[in-house]
Amino acid sequence: ATQQQANTTAIAQLTQDVNYLREITLHNIEF
């Protein structure tokens, strides 16, 4: 249960990071 909670938190952070990088990539493509 502890490991699962840590994994869920890590996945949420990675999802935010991916979305941020996606936005940067789209901006750079447009630029």
All heavy atoms as atom14 arrays in JSON, in Angstrom:
{
  "sequence": "ATQQQANTTAIAQLTQDVNYLREITLHNIEF",
  "atom14_mask": [
    [1, 1, 1, 1, 1, 0, 0, 0, 0, 0, 0, 0, 0, 0],
    [1, 1, 1, 1, 1, 1, 1, 0, 0, 0, 0, 0, 0, 0],
    [1, 1, 1, 1, 1, 1, 1, 1, 1, 0, 0, 0, 0, 0],
    [1, 1, 1, 1, 1, 1, 1, 1, 1, 0, 0, 0, 0, 0],
    [1, 1, 1, 1, 1, 1, 1, 1, 1, 0, 0, 0, 0, 0],
    [1, 1, 1, 1, 1, 0, 0, 0, 0, 0, 0, 0, 0, 0],
    [1, 1, 1, 1, 1, 1, 1, 1, 0, 0, 0, 0, 0, 0],
    [1, 1, 1, 1, 1, 1, 1, 0, 0, 0, 0, 0, 0, 0],
    [1, 1, 1, 1, 1, 1, 1, 0, 0, 0, 0, 0, 0, 0],
    [1, 1, 1, 1, 1, 0, 0, 0, 0, 0, 0, 0, 0, 0],
    [1, 1, 1, 1, 1, 1, 1, 1, 0, 0, 0, 0, 0, 0],
    [1, 1, 1, 1, 1, 0, 0, 0, 0, 0, 0, 0, 0, 0],
    [1, 1, 1, 1, 1, 1, 1, 1, 1, 0, 0, 0, 0, 0],
    [1, 1, 1, 1, 1, 1, 1, 1, 0, 0, 0, 0, 0, 0],
    [1, 1, 1, 1, 1, 1, 1, 0, 0, 0, 0, 0, 0, 0],
    [1, 1, 1, 1, 1, 1, 1, 1, 1, 0, 0, 0, 0, 0],
    [1, 1, 1, 1, 1, 1, 1, 1, 0, 0, 0, 0, 0, 0],
    [1, 1, 1, 1, 1, 1, 1, 0, 0, 0, 0, 0, 0, 0],
    [1, 1, 1, 1, 1, 1, 1, 1, 0, 0, 0, 0, 0, 0],
    [1, 1, 1, 1, 1, 1, 1, 1, 1, 1, 1, 1, 0, 0],
    [1, 1, 1, 1, 1, 1, 1, 1, 0, 0, 0, 0, 0, 0],
    [1, 1, 1, 1, 1, 1, 1, 1, 1, 1, 1, 0, 0, 0],
    [1, 1, 1, 1, 1, 1, 1, 1, 1, 0, 0, 0, 0, 0],
    [1, 1, 1, 1, 1, 1, 1, 1, 0, 0, 0, 0, 0, 0],
    [1, 1, 1, 1, 1, 1, 1, 0, 0, 0, 0, 0, 0, 0],
    [1, 1, 1, 1, 1, 1, 1, 1, 0, 0, 0, 0, 0, 0],
    [1, 1, 1, 1, 1, 1, 1, 1, 1, 1, 0, 0, 0, 0],
    [1, 1, 1, 1, 1, 1, 1, 1, 0, 0, 0, 0, 0, 0],
    [1, 1, 1, 1, 1, 1, 1, 1, 0, 0, 0, 0, 0, 0],
    [1, 1, 1, 1, 1, 1, 1, 1, 1, 0, 0, 0, 0, 0],
    [1, 1, 1, 1, 1, 1, 1, 1, 1, 1, 1, 0, 0, 0]
  ],
  "atom14_positions": [
    [[0.83, -1.21, 0.0], [0.0, 0.0, 0.0], [0.87, 1.26, 0.0], [0.58, 2.23, -0.71], [-0.94, 0.0, 1.19], [0.0, 0.0, 0.0], [0.0, 0.0, 0.0], [0.0, 0.0, 0.0], [0.0, 0.0, 0.0], [0.0, 0.0, 0.0], [0.0, 0.0, 0.0], [0.0, 0.0, 0.0], [0.0, 0.0, 0.0], [0.0, 0.0, 0.0]],
    [[1.93, 1.25, 0.78], [2.85, 2.39, 0.82], [3.52, 2.58, -0.53], [3.62, 3.71, -1.05], [3.91, 2.18, 1.91], [3.25, 2.03, 3.17], [4.89, 3.33, 1.98], [0.0, 0.0, 0.0], [0.0, 0.0, 0.0], [0.0, 0.0, 0.0], [0.0, 0.0, 0.0], [0.0, 0.0, 0.0], [0.0, 0.0, 0.0], [0.0, 0.0, 0.0]],
    [[3.98, 1.49, -1.13], [4.61, 1.58, -2.44], [3.63, 2.06, -3.5], [3.98, 2.85, -4.37], [5.19, 0.22, -2.85], [6.39, -0.2, -2.02], [6.83, -1.62, -2.31], [6.06, -2.44, -2.8], [8.08, -1.92, -1.98], [0.0, 0.0, 0.0], [0.0, 0.0, 0.0], [0.0, 0.0, 0.0], [0.0, 0.0, 0.0], [0.0, 0.0, 0.0]],
    [[2.41, 1.59, -3.41], [1.38, 1.99, -4.37], [1.09, 3.49, -4.27], [0.95, 4.18, -5.28], [0.11, 1.17, -4.12], [-0.82, 1.11, -5.28], [-1.91, 0.08, -5.04], [-2.26, -0.22, -3.89], [-2.46, -0.46, -6.1], [0.0, 0.0, 0.0], [0.0, 0.0, 0.0], [0.0, 0.0, 0.0], [0.0, 0.0, 0.0], [0.0, 0.0, 0.0]],
    [[1.04, 4.01, -3.07], [0.81, 5.44, -2.87], [1.98, 6.24, -3.43], [1.79, 7.26, -4.09], [0.61, 5.77, -1.39], [0.35, 7.23, -1.13], [-0.87, 7.77, -1.88], [-1.92, 7.14, -1.9], [-0.72, 8.92, -2.51], [0.0, 0.0, 0.0], [0.0, 0.0, 0.0], [0.0, 0.0, 0.0], [0.0, 0.0, 0.0], [0.0, 0.0, 0.0]],
    [[3.2, 5.77, -3.17], [4.38, 6.47, -3.71], [4.36, 6.43, -5.23], [4.69, 7.43, -5.89], [5.66, 5.81, -3.17], [0.0, 0.0, 0.0], [0.0, 0.0, 0.0], [0.0, 0.0, 0.0], [0.0, 0.0, 0.0], [0.0, 0.0, 0.0], [0.0, 0.0, 0.0], [0.0, 0.0, 0.0], [0.0, 0.0, 0.0], [0.0, 0.0, 0.0]],
    [[3.99, 5.32, -5.82], [3.91, 5.21, -7.27], [2.85, 6.14, -7.85], [3.06, 6.77, -8.88], [3.63, 3.76, -7.69], [4.8, 2.84, -7.45], [5.93, 3.28, -7.26], [4.54, 1.54, -7.45], [0.0, 0.0, 0.0], [0.0, 0.0, 0.0], [0.0, 0.0, 0.0], [0.0, 0.0, 0.0], [0.0, 0.0, 0.0], [0.0, 0.0, 0.0]],
    [[1.72, 6.23, -7.18], [0.64, 7.11, -7.64], [1.1, 8.56, -7.63], [0.85, 9.31, -8.58], [-0.61, 6.92, -6.75], [-1.04, 5.56, -6.85], [-1.73, 7.84, -7.18], [0.0, 0.0, 0.0], [0.0, 0.0, 0.0], [0.0, 0.0, 0.0], [0.0, 0.0, 0.0], [0.0, 0.0, 0.0], [0.0, 0.0, 0.0], [0.0, 0.0, 0.0]],
    [[1.8, 8.95, -6.57], [2.33, 10.31, -6.48], [3.36, 10.56, -7.57], [3.34, 11.61, -8.23], [2.95, 10.54, -5.1], [1.96, 10.31, -4.09], [3.51, 11.94, -4.95], [0.0, 0.0, 0.0], [0.0, 0.0, 0.0], [0.0, 0.0, 0.0], [0.0, 0.0, 0.0], [0.0, 0.0, 0.0], [0.0, 0.0, 0.0], [0.0, 0.0, 0.0]],
    [[4.24, 9.6, -7.81], [5.27, 9.75, -8.84], [4.64, 9.85, -10.22], [5.06, 10.67, -11.05], [6.24, 8.58, -8.78], [0.0, 0.0, 0.0], [0.0, 0.0, 0.0], [0.0, 0.0, 0.0], [0.0, 0.0, 0.0], [0.0, 0.0, 0.0], [0.0, 0.0, 0.0], [0.0, 0.0, 0.0], [0.0, 0.0, 0.0], [0.0, 0.0, 0.0]],
    [[3.62, 9.06, -10.49], [2.93, 9.09, -11.78], [2.25, 10.45, -11.98], [2.3, 11.02, -13.07], [1.93, 7.93, -11.92], [2.7, 6.62, -12.09], [0.98, 8.16, -13.08], [1.83, 5.39, -12.0], [0.0, 0.0, 0.0], [0.0, 0.0, 0.0], [0.0, 0.0, 0.0], [0.0, 0.0, 0.0], [0.0, 0.0, 0.0], [0.0, 0.0, 0.0]],
    [[1.64, 10.98, -10.94], [1.0, 12.29, -11.05], [2.03, 13.37, -11.38], [1.79, 14.22, -12.24], [0.28, 12.63, -9.74], [0.0, 0.0, 0.0], [0.0, 0.0, 0.0], [0.0, 0.0, 0.0], [0.0, 0.0, 0.0], [0.0, 0.0, 0.0], [0.0, 0.0, 0.0], [0.0, 0.0, 0.0], [0.0, 0.0, 0.0], [0.0, 0.0, 0.0]],
    [[3.2, 13.32, -10.75], [4.25, 14.29, -11.03], [4.78, 14.12, -12.46], [4.98, 15.1, -13.18], [5.4, 14.15, -10.03], [6.51, 15.17, -10.24], [6.02, 16.61, -10.1], [5.38, 16.95, -9.13], [6.33, 17.44, -11.08], [0.0, 0.0, 0.0], [0.0, 0.0, 0.0], [0.0, 0.0, 0.0], [0.0, 0.0, 0.0], [0.0, 0.0, 0.0]],
    [[4.98, 12.89, -12.88], [5.45, 12.64, -14.24], [4.44, 13.11, -15.28], [4.82, 13.65, -16.32], [5.76, 11.15, -14.43], [7.0, 10.64, -13.71], [7.08, 9.12, -13.8], [8.26, 11.28, -14.26], [0.0, 0.0, 0.0], [0.0, 0.0, 0.0], [0.0, 0.0, 0.0], [0.0, 0.0, 0.0], [0.0, 0.0, 0.0], [0.0, 0.0, 0.0]],
    [[3.17, 12.95, -14.99], [2.13, 13.42, -15.9], [2.19, 14.93, -16.04], [2.08, 15.47, -17.15], [0.74, 12.98, -15.39], [0.71, 11.55, -15.32], [-0.37, 13.46, -16.3], [0.0, 0.0, 0.0], [0.0, 0.0, 0.0], [0.0, 0.0, 0.0], [0.0, 0.0, 0.0], [0.0, 0.0, 0.0], [0.0, 0.0, 0.0], [0.0, 0.0, 0.0]],
    [[2.38, 15.63, -14.93], [2.53, 17.09, -14.98], [3.75, 17.48, -15.79], [3.71, 18.4, -16.61], [2.64, 17.67, -13.58], [1.35, 17.66, -12.81], [1.52, 18.22, -11.4], [2.63, 18.4, -10.92], [0.4, 18.5, -10.74], [0.0, 0.0, 0.0], [0.0, 0.0, 0.0], [0.0, 0.0, 0.0], [0.0, 0.0, 0.0], [0.0, 0.0, 0.0]],
    [[4.85, 16.76, -15.58], [6.09, 17.05, -16.32], [5.91, 16.84, -17.82], [6.35, 17.65, -18.63], [7.24, 16.19, -15.8], [7.66, 16.52, -14.38], [7.23, 17.58, -13.86], [8.4, 15.71, -13.78], [0.0, 0.0, 0.0], [0.0, 0.0, 0.0], [0.0, 0.0, 0.0], [0.0, 0.0, 0.0], [0.0, 0.0, 0.0], [0.0, 0.0, 0.0]],
    [[5.24, 15.76, -18.18], [4.99, 15.46, -19.59], [4.12, 16.55, -20.22], [4.39, 17.02, -21.33], [4.36, 14.06, -19.77], [3.8, 13.88, -21.18], [5.38, 12.98, -19.45], [0.0, 0.0, 0.0], [0.0, 0.0, 0.0], [0.0, 0.0, 0.0], [0.0, 0.0, 0.0], [0.0, 0.0, 0.0], [0.0, 0.0, 0.0], [0.0, 0.0, 0.0]],
    [[3.09, 16.97, -19.51], [2.22, 18.03, -20.03], [3.0, 19.33, -20.21], [2.81, 20.04, -21.21], [1.02, 18.24, -19.12], [0.02, 17.12, -19.24], [-0.06, 16.44, -20.27], [-0.75, 16.89, -18.19], [0.0, 0.0, 0.0], [0.0, 0.0, 0.0], [0.0, 0.0, 0.0], [0.0, 0.0, 0.0], [0.0, 0.0, 0.0], [0.0, 0.0, 0.0]],
    [[3.86, 19.66, -19.27], [4.68, 20.86, -19.37], [5.6, 20.77, -20.59], [5.7, 21.72, -21.37], [5.48, 21.04, -18.08], [6.44, 22.19, -18.09], [5.98, 23.5, -18.04], [7.81, 21.97, -18.16], [6.85, 24.58, -18.06], [8.7, 23.05, -18.17], [8.21, 24.34, -18.13], [9.09, 25.39, -18.15], [0.0, 0.0, 0.0], [0.0, 0.0, 0.0]],
    [[6.26, 19.64, -20.75], [7.16, 19.46, -21.89], [6.4, 19.48, -23.21], [6.9, 19.99, -24.22], [7.95, 18.16, -21.73], [8.96, 18.14, -20.59], [9.55, 16.75, -20.42], [10.06, 19.16, -20.81], [0.0, 0.0, 0.0], [0.0, 0.0, 0.0], [0.0, 0.0, 0.0], [0.0, 0.0, 0.0], [0.0, 0.0, 0.0], [0.0, 0.0, 0.0]],
    [[5.2, 18.95, -23.21], [4.36, 18.97, -24.41], [4.04, 20.41, -24.8], [4.13, 20.78, -25.97], [3.07, 18.19, -24.15], [2.16, 18.09, -25.34], [0.88, 17.3, -24.96], [-0.25, 17.86, -25.63], [-0.97, 18.9, -25.25], [-0.7, 19.53, -24.13], [-1.99, 19.34, -25.95], [0.0, 0.0, 0.0], [0.0, 0.0, 0.0], [0.0, 0.0, 0.0]],
    [[3.7, 21.23, -23.83], [3.4, 22.63, -24.1], [4.62, 23.36, -24.66], [4.52, 24.14, -25.6], [2.9, 23.34, -22.84], [1.51, 22.92, -22.41], [0.45, 23.27, -23.44], [0.51, 24.36, -24.03], [-0.42, 22.43, -23.68], [0.0, 0.0, 0.0], [0.0, 0.0, 0.0], [0.0, 0.0, 0.0], [0.0, 0.0, 0.0], [0.0, 0.0, 0.0]],
    [[5.78, 23.1, -24.07], [7.02, 23.72, -24.56], [7.29, 23.28, -25.99], [7.65, 24.1, -26.85], [8.21, 23.35, -23.64], [8.08, 24.05, -22.3], [9.54, 23.69, -24.31], [9.1, 23.61, -21.28], [0.0, 0.0, 0.0], [0.0, 0.0, 0.0], [0.0, 0.0, 0.0], [0.0, 0.0, 0.0], [0.0, 0.0, 0.0], [0.0, 0.0, 0.0]],
    [[7.12, 22.0, -26.26], [7.37, 21.47, -27.61], [6.42, 22.1, -28.62], [6.85, 22.52, -29.71], [7.2, 19.94, -27.61], [8.14, 19.39, -26.68], [7.46, 19.36, -28.99], [0.0, 0.0, 0.0], [0.0, 0.0, 0.0], [0.0, 0.0, 0.0], [0.0, 0.0, 0.0], [0.0, 0.0, 0.0], [0.0, 0.0, 0.0], [0.0, 0.0, 0.0]],
    [[5.15, 22.2, -28.28], [4.19, 22.81, -29.2], [4.52, 24.27, -29.45], [4.43, 24.77, -30.58], [2.77, 22.67, -28.66], [2.21, 21.25, -28.65], [0.84, 21.22, -27.96], [2.11, 20.7, -30.05], [0.0, 0.0, 0.0], [0.0, 0.0, 0.0], [0.0, 0.0, 0.0], [0.0, 0.0, 0.0], [0.0, 0.0, 0.0], [0.0, 0.0, 0.0]],
    [[4.93, 24.98, -28.4], [5.32, 26.38, -28.55], [6.53, 26.49, -29.49], [6.57, 27.36, -30.37], [5.64, 27.0, -27.2], [6.18, 28.38, -27.29], [5.39, 29.47, -27.58], [7.45, 28.85, -27.17], [6.14, 30.55, -27.63], [7.39, 30.2, -27.38], [0.0, 0.0, 0.0], [0.0, 0.0, 0.0], [0.0, 0.0, 0.0], [0.0, 0.0, 0.0]],
    [[7.51, 25.62, -29.29], [8.71, 25.66, -30.13], [8.4, 25.32, -31.58], [8.99, 25.92, -32.49], [9.79, 24.73, -29.57], [10.45, 25.29, -28.34], [10.46, 26.5, -28.13], [11.0, 24.43, -27.52], [0.0, 0.0, 0.0], [0.0, 0.0, 0.0], [0.0, 0.0, 0.0], [0.0, 0.0, 0.0], [0.0, 0.0, 0.0], [0.0, 0.0, 0.0]],
    [[7.5, 24.39, -31.8], [7.1, 24.05, -33.17], [6.44, 25.26, -33.82], [6.75, 25.61, -34.97], [6.15, 22.83, -33.18], [6.93, 21.57, -32.82], [5.45, 22.68, -34.53], [6.06, 20.36, -32.54], [0.0, 0.0, 0.0], [0.0, 0.0, 0.0], [0.0, 0.0, 0.0], [0.0, 0.0, 0.0], [0.0, 0.0, 0.0], [0.0, 0.0, 0.0]],
    [[5.55, 25.91, -33.09], [4.88, 27.09, -33.62], [5.89, 28.21, -33.9], [5.85, 28.85, -34.96], [3.82, 27.58, -32.63], [3.05, 28.78, -33.1], [2.02, 29.23, -32.07], [1.51, 28.39, -31.32], [1.74, 30.44, -32.04], [0.0, 0.0, 0.0], [0.0, 0.0, 0.0], [0.0, 0.0, 0.0], [0.0, 0.0, 0.0], [0.0, 0.0, 0.0]],
    [[6.81, 28.43, -32.98], [7.82, 29.46, -33.14], [8.71, 29.16, -34.34], [9.03, 30.05, -35.14], [8.66, 29.56, -31.85], [9.64, 30.68, -31.84], [9.21, 31.99, -31.79], [11.0, 30.42, -31.87], [10.12, 33.04, -31.77], [11.91, 31.46, -31.86], [11.48, 32.77, -31.82], [0.0, 0.0, 0.0], [0.0, 0.0, 0.0], [0.0, 0.0, 0.0]]
  ]
}
